[in-house]
Amino acid sequence: DTLAVIAPRFGLTEVELREQLEEKTLAQIAKDQGKSVAGLVAALVNAAGKAIDEAVADGRLTQERADELKSNLDERIESFVNAEFAERGYGFHRGFGAGGTSPRGPPAFDGPHA
C-alpha cells in the first residue's frame, strides 16, 4: 500500500496521512514536514521498482510488462505526488496513478465511489 510506504517517512500514521490528503497533496505534506519532494519521489520510485521486480520474480508480471511500467515510473510518481491526477477529478487512491494497478495485484475494493 502506498500510504504504508509514505506515512513513516513523514512520522505520521496511515490514518493521519489519509486525513491530510483530504486537503493537501503529498508534495504539500512533504514540505510541511520539512521533507524533500524529490526525496519522496525517489523513495516511491524505489519502492515501486522493488514491487515490480518482486512481481516478475513471482511470475505475476512479465519482464516486458515490467520494463513498460518502469519506463516512465519517475514521471508518473511525480505526477501522483503533485496530485496532477486530482486536478482531473481522480483524487487520491491506491495504485499507480489514475485507474492504475499495482504489480502486487488488483486494488482492494473499498466500496463504490460517487
C-alpha atoms as a PDB file:
ATOM      1  CA  ASP A   1       0.000   0.000   0.000  1.00  0.00           C
ATOM      2  CA  THR A   2       1.374   3.402  -0.970  1.00  0.00           C
ATOM      3  CA  LEU A   3       0.402   5.003   2.332  1.00  0.00           C
ATOM      4  CA  ALA A   4       2.365   2.382   4.262  1.00  0.00           C
ATOM      5  CA  VAL A   5       5.500   3.495   2.403  1.00  0.00           C
ATOM      6  CA  ILE A   6       4.849   7.217   2.800  1.00  0.00           C
ATOM      7  CA  ALA A   7       3.410   7.655   6.320  1.00  0.00           C
ATOM      8  CA  PRO A   8       6.526   6.596   8.294  1.00  0.00           C
ATOM      9  CA  ARG A   9       8.659   8.910   6.160  1.00  0.00           C
ATOM     10  CA  PHE A  10       6.570  11.799   7.486  1.00  0.00           C
ATOM     11  CA  GLY A  11       6.345  10.493  11.052  1.00  0.00           C
ATOM     12  CA  LEU A  12       2.602  10.041  10.610  1.00  0.00           C
ATOM     13  CA  THR A  13       0.243   7.109  10.902  1.00  0.00           C
ATOM     14  CA  GLU A  14      -1.587   5.970   7.794  1.00  0.00           C
ATOM     15  CA  VAL A  15      -4.798   7.423   9.264  1.00  0.00           C
ATOM     16  CA  GLU A  16      -3.157  10.805   9.887  1.00  0.00           C
ATOM     17  CA  LEU A  17      -1.733  10.841   6.375  1.00  0.00           C
ATOM     18  CA  ARG A  18      -5.080   9.914   4.829  1.00  0.00           C
ATOM     19  CA  GLU A  19      -6.724  12.776   6.759  1.00  0.00           C
ATOM     20  CA  GLN A  20      -4.139  15.270   5.498  1.00  0.00           C
ATOM     21  CA  LEU A  21      -4.590  14.008   1.937  1.00  0.00           C
ATOM     22  CA  GLU A  22      -8.194  15.174   2.040  1.00  0.00           C
ATOM     23  CA  GLU A  23      -6.918  18.756   1.801  1.00  0.00           C
ATOM     24  CA  LYS A  24      -3.299  18.591   0.628  1.00  0.00           C
ATOM     25  CA  THR A  25      -1.137  16.934  -1.976  1.00  0.00           C
ATOM     26  CA  LEU A  26       1.692  14.617  -0.983  1.00  0.00           C
ATOM     27  CA  ALA A  27       4.099  17.336  -2.103  1.00  0.00           C
ATOM     28  CA  GLN A  28       2.472  19.847   0.249  1.00  0.00           C
ATOM     29  CA  ILE A  29       2.569  17.375   3.147  1.00  0.00           C
ATOM     30  CA  ALA A  30       6.246  16.642   2.454  1.00  0.00           C
ATOM     31  CA  LYS A  31       7.064  20.351   2.547  1.00  0.00           C
ATOM     32  CA  ASP A  32       5.013  20.819   5.742  1.00  0.00           C
ATOM     33  CA  GLN A  33       7.001  18.003   7.349  1.00  0.00           C
ATOM     34  CA  GLY A  34      10.320  19.519   6.242  1.00  0.00           C
ATOM     35  CA  LYS A  35      10.936  16.715   3.755  1.00  0.00           C
ATOM     36  CA  SER A  36      12.172  16.928   0.208  1.00  0.00           C
ATOM     37  CA  VAL A  37       9.614  16.306  -2.527  1.00  0.00           C
ATOM     38  CA  ALA A  38      12.418  14.885  -4.687  1.00  0.00           C
ATOM     39  CA  GLY A  39      13.349  12.529  -1.849  1.00  0.00           C
ATOM     40  CA  LEU A  40       9.744  11.377  -1.545  1.00  0.00           C
ATOM     41  CA  VAL A  41       9.526  10.753  -5.288  1.00  0.00           C
ATOM     42  CA  ALA A  42      12.809   8.815  -5.191  1.00  0.00           C
ATOM     43  CA  ALA A  43      11.601   6.673  -2.268  1.00  0.00           C
ATOM     44  CA  LEU A  44       8.344   5.874  -4.047  1.00  0.00           C
ATOM     45  CA  VAL A  45      10.116   5.088  -7.313  1.00  0.00           C
ATOM     46  CA  ASN A  46      12.434   2.759  -5.394  1.00  0.00           C
ATOM     47  CA  ALA A  47       9.506   1.027  -3.628  1.00  0.00           C
ATOM     48  CA  ALA A  48       7.558   0.681  -6.876  1.00  0.00           C
ATOM     49  CA  GLY A  49      10.611  -0.683  -8.682  1.00  0.00           C
ATOM     50  CA  LYS A  50      11.099  -3.297  -5.968  1.00  0.00           C
ATOM     51  CA  ALA A  51       7.411  -4.259  -6.137  1.00  0.00           C
ATOM     52  CA  ILE A  52       7.651  -4.626  -9.912  1.00  0.00           C
ATOM     53  CA  ASP A  53      10.794  -6.752  -9.595  1.00  0.00           C
ATOM     54  CA  GLU A  54       9.087  -8.956  -6.984  1.00  0.00           C
ATOM     55  CA  ALA A  55       6.098  -9.402  -9.280  1.00  0.00           C
ATOM     56  CA  VAL A  56       8.411 -10.556 -12.091  1.00  0.00           C
ATOM     57  CA  ALA A  57      10.274 -12.929  -9.767  1.00  0.00           C
ATOM     58  CA  ASP A  58       6.962 -14.378  -8.545  1.00  0.00           C
ATOM     59  CA  GLY A  59       5.694 -14.852 -12.101  1.00  0.00           C
ATOM     60  CA  ARG A  60       2.837 -12.354 -11.697  1.00  0.00           C
ATOM     61  CA  LEU A  61       4.278  -9.965 -14.269  1.00  0.00           C
ATOM     62  CA  THR A  62       6.253 -10.479 -17.451  1.00  0.00           C
ATOM     63  CA  GLN A  63       9.630  -8.801 -17.805  1.00  0.00           C
ATOM     64  CA  GLU A  64       8.286  -6.995 -20.870  1.00  0.00           C
ATOM     65  CA  ARG A  65       5.398  -5.502 -18.869  1.00  0.00           C
ATOM     66  CA  ALA A  66       7.796  -4.670 -16.013  1.00  0.00           C
ATOM     67  CA  ASP A  67      10.009  -2.760 -18.426  1.00  0.00           C
ATOM     68  CA  GLU A  68       6.958  -0.846 -19.682  1.00  0.00           C
ATOM     69  CA  LEU A  69       5.912   0.039 -16.139  1.00  0.00           C
ATOM     70  CA  LYS A  70       9.408   1.193 -15.231  1.00  0.00           C
ATOM     71  CA  SER A  71       9.897   3.216 -18.429  1.00  0.00           C
ATOM     72  CA  ASN A  72       8.076   6.295 -17.153  1.00  0.00           C
ATOM     73  CA  LEU A  73       7.786   5.493 -13.466  1.00  0.00           C
ATOM     74  CA  ASP A  74       9.527   8.699 -12.370  1.00  0.00           C
ATOM     75  CA  GLU A  75       7.101  10.921 -14.272  1.00  0.00           C
ATOM     76  CA  ARG A  76       4.008   9.025 -13.129  1.00  0.00           C
ATOM     77  CA  ILE A  77       5.044   9.084  -9.486  1.00  0.00           C
ATOM     78  CA  GLU A  78       5.984  12.748  -9.665  1.00  0.00           C
ATOM     79  CA  SER A  79       2.515  13.483 -11.080  1.00  0.00           C
ATOM     80  CA  PHE A  80       0.989  11.386  -8.301  1.00  0.00           C
ATOM     81  CA  VAL A  81       2.943  13.213  -5.577  1.00  0.00           C
ATOM     82  CA  ASN A  82       1.983  16.591  -7.035  1.00  0.00           C
ATOM     83  CA  ALA A  83      -1.669  15.452  -7.354  1.00  0.00           C
ATOM     84  CA  GLU A  84      -1.890  16.185 -11.055  1.00  0.00           C
ATOM     85  CA  PHE A  85      -4.444  13.380 -11.276  1.00  0.00           C
ATOM     86  CA  ALA A  86      -6.617  15.032  -8.598  1.00  0.00           C
ATOM     87  CA  GLU A  87      -6.957  18.086 -10.803  1.00  0.00           C
ATOM     88  CA  ARG A  88      -8.770  15.868 -13.282  1.00  0.00           C
ATOM     89  CA  GLY A  89     -11.157  14.619 -10.615  1.00  0.00           C
ATOM     90  CA  TYR A  90      -9.460  11.328  -9.814  1.00  0.00           C
ATOM     91  CA  GLY A  91      -8.464  12.152  -6.250  1.00  0.00           C
ATOM     92  CA  PHE A  92      -6.205  10.058  -4.075  1.00  0.00           C
ATOM     93  CA  HIS A  93      -6.478   6.310  -4.259  1.00  0.00           C
ATOM     94  CA  ARG A  94      -4.352   3.219  -4.068  1.00  0.00           C
ATOM     95  CA  GLY A  95      -2.340   2.128  -7.062  1.00  0.00           C
ATOM     96  CA  PHE A  96      -0.014   3.701  -9.564  1.00  0.00           C
ATOM     97  CA  GLY A  97      -1.949   6.653 -10.909  1.00  0.00           C
ATOM     98  CA  ALA A  98      -5.422   7.179 -12.283  1.00  0.00           C
ATOM     99  CA  GLY A  99      -7.015   3.822 -12.915  1.00  0.00           C
ATOM    100  CA  GLY A 100      -3.634   2.208 -12.370  1.00  0.00           C
ATOM    101  CA  THR A 101      -2.981  -1.125 -10.807  1.00  0.00           C
ATOM    102  CA  SER A 102      -0.231  -2.209  -8.535  1.00  0.00           C
ATOM    103  CA  PRO A 103       2.049  -5.024  -9.665  1.00  0.00           C
ATOM    104  CA  ARG A 104       1.190  -6.604  -6.311  1.00  0.00           C
ATOM    105  CA  GLY A 105      -2.285  -7.397  -7.668  1.00  0.00           C
ATOM    106  CA  PRO A 106      -5.622  -5.720  -8.167  1.00  0.00           C
ATOM    107  CA  PRO A 107      -6.550  -2.878  -5.843  1.00  0.00           C
ATOM    108  CA  ALA A 108      -8.677  -3.716  -2.843  1.00  0.00           C
ATOM    109  CA  PHE A 109     -12.371  -2.932  -3.241  1.00  0.00           C
ATOM    110  CA  ASP A 110     -13.212  -0.232  -0.778  1.00  0.00           C
ATOM    111  CA  GLY A 111     -16.803   0.450  -1.786  1.00  0.00           C
ATOM    112  CA  PRO A 112     -18.474   2.344  -4.595  1.00  0.00           C
ATOM    113  CA  HIS A 113     -17.209   5.774  -5.463  1.00  0.00           C
ATOM    114  CA  ALA A 114     -19.523   8.681  -6.147  1.00  0.00           C
END
